[in-house]
Amino acid sequence: MIIICYMEPLLVTRIENKDGEVLAQFQSDPERALSVGATYKLVDVMRDVINRGTGTMIRTHFGIHGGVAGKTSTTQHNADGWFILMQP
């Protein structure tokens, strides 16, 4: 069985123990990780995963034909394989 679902991103800003004591607190202001040019190049590479790479079955198997991008990964001989699809 394949389950497709959307998970709203969750930003963790702090971790508390059962008594409410703050164990860790994190900066909540996001910082740019890549330049704009590098970001566009990365998204183009991820589009190729769907158009010509390991994610091509997403179009034929699920009928997704929009402008999407994806990333696949496997570890431990595919014991922990995953795929993420995004619409830029």
C-alpha atoms as a PDB file:
ATOM      1  CA  MET A   1       0.000   0.000   0.000  1.00  0.00           C
ATOM      2  CA  ILE A   2       1.297   3.468  -0.876  1.00  0.00           C
ATOM      3  CA  ILE A   3       0.138   6.393   1.236  1.00  0.00           C
ATOM      4  CA  ILE A   4       0.595   9.902  -0.105  1.00  0.00           C
ATOM      5  CA  CYS A   5       0.136  12.734   2.345  1.00  0.00           C
ATOM      6  CA  TYR A   6       1.191  16.295   2.995  1.00  0.00           C
ATOM      7  CA  MET A   7       2.835  17.199   6.271  1.00  0.00           C
ATOM      8  CA  GLU A   8       2.866  20.856   7.259  1.00  0.00           C
ATOM      9  CA  PRO A   9       6.459  21.832   8.143  1.00  0.00           C
ATOM     10  CA  LEU A  10       6.968  22.256  11.869  1.00  0.00           C
ATOM     11  CA  LEU A  11       9.586  24.642  13.222  1.00  0.00           C
ATOM     12  CA  VAL A  12      10.964  23.523  16.584  1.00  0.00           C
ATOM     13  CA  THR A  13      12.015  26.572  18.586  1.00  0.00           C
ATOM     14  CA  ARG A  14      12.675  24.894  21.947  1.00  0.00           C
ATOM     15  CA  ILE A  15      12.668  21.588  23.764  1.00  0.00           C
ATOM     16  CA  GLU A  16      11.303  21.283  27.312  1.00  0.00           C
ATOM     17  CA  ASN A  17      11.341  18.408  29.771  1.00  0.00           C
ATOM     18  CA  LYS A  18       8.197  17.155  31.538  1.00  0.00           C
ATOM     19  CA  ASP A  19       8.574  19.859  34.197  1.00  0.00           C
ATOM     20  CA  GLY A  20       8.630  22.672  31.650  1.00  0.00           C
ATOM     21  CA  GLU A  21      12.373  23.311  32.029  1.00  0.00           C
ATOM     22  CA  VAL A  22      13.862  24.497  28.709  1.00  0.00           C
ATOM     23  CA  LEU A  23      16.540  22.020  27.638  1.00  0.00           C
ATOM     24  CA  ALA A  24      17.405  23.690  24.328  1.00  0.00           C
ATOM     25  CA  GLN A  25      16.291  26.783  22.470  1.00  0.00           C
ATOM     26  CA  PHE A  26      16.852  27.496  18.787  1.00  0.00           C
ATOM     27  CA  GLN A  27      17.001  30.628  16.681  1.00  0.00           C
ATOM     28  CA  SER A  28      13.721  31.067  14.843  1.00  0.00           C
ATOM     29  CA  ASP A  29      14.909  33.496  12.145  1.00  0.00           C
ATOM     30  CA  PRO A  30      15.777  31.501   9.009  1.00  0.00           C
ATOM     31  CA  GLU A  31      19.067  32.258   7.278  1.00  0.00           C
ATOM     32  CA  ARG A  32      19.763  31.877   3.553  1.00  0.00           C
ATOM     33  CA  ALA A  33      21.674  28.638   3.040  1.00  0.00           C
ATOM     34  CA  LEU A  34      22.339  29.001  -0.710  1.00  0.00           C
ATOM     35  CA  SER A  35      22.685  31.862  -3.138  1.00  0.00           C
ATOM     36  CA  VAL A  36      19.736  32.518  -5.439  1.00  0.00           C
ATOM     37  CA  GLY A  37      21.692  31.151  -8.425  1.00  0.00           C
ATOM     38  CA  ALA A  38      22.674  27.966  -6.571  1.00  0.00           C
ATOM     39  CA  THR A  39      19.067  27.496  -5.474  1.00  0.00           C
ATOM     40  CA  TYR A  40      17.794  27.656  -9.080  1.00  0.00           C
ATOM     41  CA  LYS A  41      20.477  25.192 -10.198  1.00  0.00           C
ATOM     42  CA  LEU A  42      19.602  22.787  -7.376  1.00  0.00           C
ATOM     43  CA  VAL A  43      15.878  22.867  -8.243  1.00  0.00           C
ATOM     44  CA  ASP A  44      16.744  22.214 -11.913  1.00  0.00           C
ATOM     45  CA  VAL A  45      18.807  19.170 -10.907  1.00  0.00           C
ATOM     46  CA  MET A  46      15.895  17.955  -8.770  1.00  0.00           C
ATOM     47  CA  ARG A  47      13.538  18.394 -11.743  1.00  0.00           C
ATOM     48  CA  ASP A  48      15.819  16.122 -13.750  1.00  0.00           C
ATOM     49  CA  VAL A  49      15.354  13.424 -11.089  1.00  0.00           C
ATOM     50  CA  ILE A  50      11.686  13.339 -12.130  1.00  0.00           C
ATOM     51  CA  ASN A  51      12.151  13.973 -15.854  1.00  0.00           C
ATOM     52  CA  ARG A  52      15.101  11.650 -16.552  1.00  0.00           C
ATOM     53  CA  GLY A  53      16.298  10.029 -13.342  1.00  0.00           C
ATOM     54  CA  THR A  54      15.264   7.685 -10.576  1.00  0.00           C
ATOM     55  CA  GLY A  55      11.911   9.416 -10.029  1.00  0.00           C
ATOM     56  CA  THR A  56      10.474   8.979 -13.532  1.00  0.00           C
ATOM     57  CA  MET A  57       7.879   6.456 -12.303  1.00  0.00           C
ATOM     58  CA  ILE A  58       6.115   9.257 -10.396  1.00  0.00           C
ATOM     59  CA  ARG A  59       4.698  10.479 -13.715  1.00  0.00           C
ATOM     60  CA  THR A  60       3.629   7.101 -15.113  1.00  0.00           C
ATOM     61  CA  HIS A  61       2.548   5.395 -11.895  1.00  0.00           C
ATOM     62  CA  PHE A  62       0.746   8.332 -10.258  1.00  0.00           C
ATOM     63  CA  GLY A  63      -0.080  10.477 -13.308  1.00  0.00           C
ATOM     64  CA  ILE A  64       1.688  13.569 -11.996  1.00  0.00           C
ATOM     65  CA  HIS A  65       2.509  15.772 -14.979  1.00  0.00           C
ATOM     66  CA  GLY A  66       3.099  19.196 -13.410  1.00  0.00           C
ATOM     67  CA  GLY A  67       6.393  20.983 -12.900  1.00  0.00           C
ATOM     68  CA  VAL A  68       7.668  19.003  -9.945  1.00  0.00           C
ATOM     69  CA  ALA A  69      11.086  18.172  -8.548  1.00  0.00           C
ATOM     70  CA  GLY A  70      12.250  15.322  -6.370  1.00  0.00           C
ATOM     71  CA  LYS A  71      15.035  13.668  -4.416  1.00  0.00           C
ATOM     72  CA  THR A  72      15.585   9.986  -3.817  1.00  0.00           C
ATOM     73  CA  SER A  73      17.895   8.331  -1.331  1.00  0.00           C
ATOM     74  CA  THR A  74      18.673   4.891  -0.038  1.00  0.00           C
ATOM     75  CA  THR A  75      20.777   3.583   2.821  1.00  0.00           C
ATOM     76  CA  GLN A  76      21.691   0.126   4.099  1.00  0.00           C
ATOM     77  CA  HIS A  77      20.895  -1.593   0.776  1.00  0.00           C
ATOM     78  CA  ASN A  78      17.482   0.154   0.600  1.00  0.00           C
ATOM     79  CA  ALA A  79      16.500  -0.802   4.152  1.00  0.00           C
ATOM     80  CA  ASP A  80      15.791   2.901   4.683  1.00  0.00           C
ATOM     81  CA  GLY A  81      14.835   4.211   1.244  1.00  0.00           C
ATOM     82  CA  TRP A  82      12.896   7.447   0.839  1.00  0.00           C
ATOM     83  CA  PHE A  83      11.632   9.857  -1.807  1.00  0.00           C
ATOM     84  CA  ILE A  84      10.502  13.459  -1.488  1.00  0.00           C
ATOM     85  CA  LEU A  85       8.523  15.336  -4.129  1.00  0.00           C
ATOM     86  CA  MET A  86       8.141  19.088  -4.215  1.00  0.00           C
ATOM     87  CA  GLN A  87       6.390  21.626  -6.343  1.00  0.00           C
ATOM     88  CA  PRO A  88       8.689  24.672  -6.525  1.00  0.00           C
END
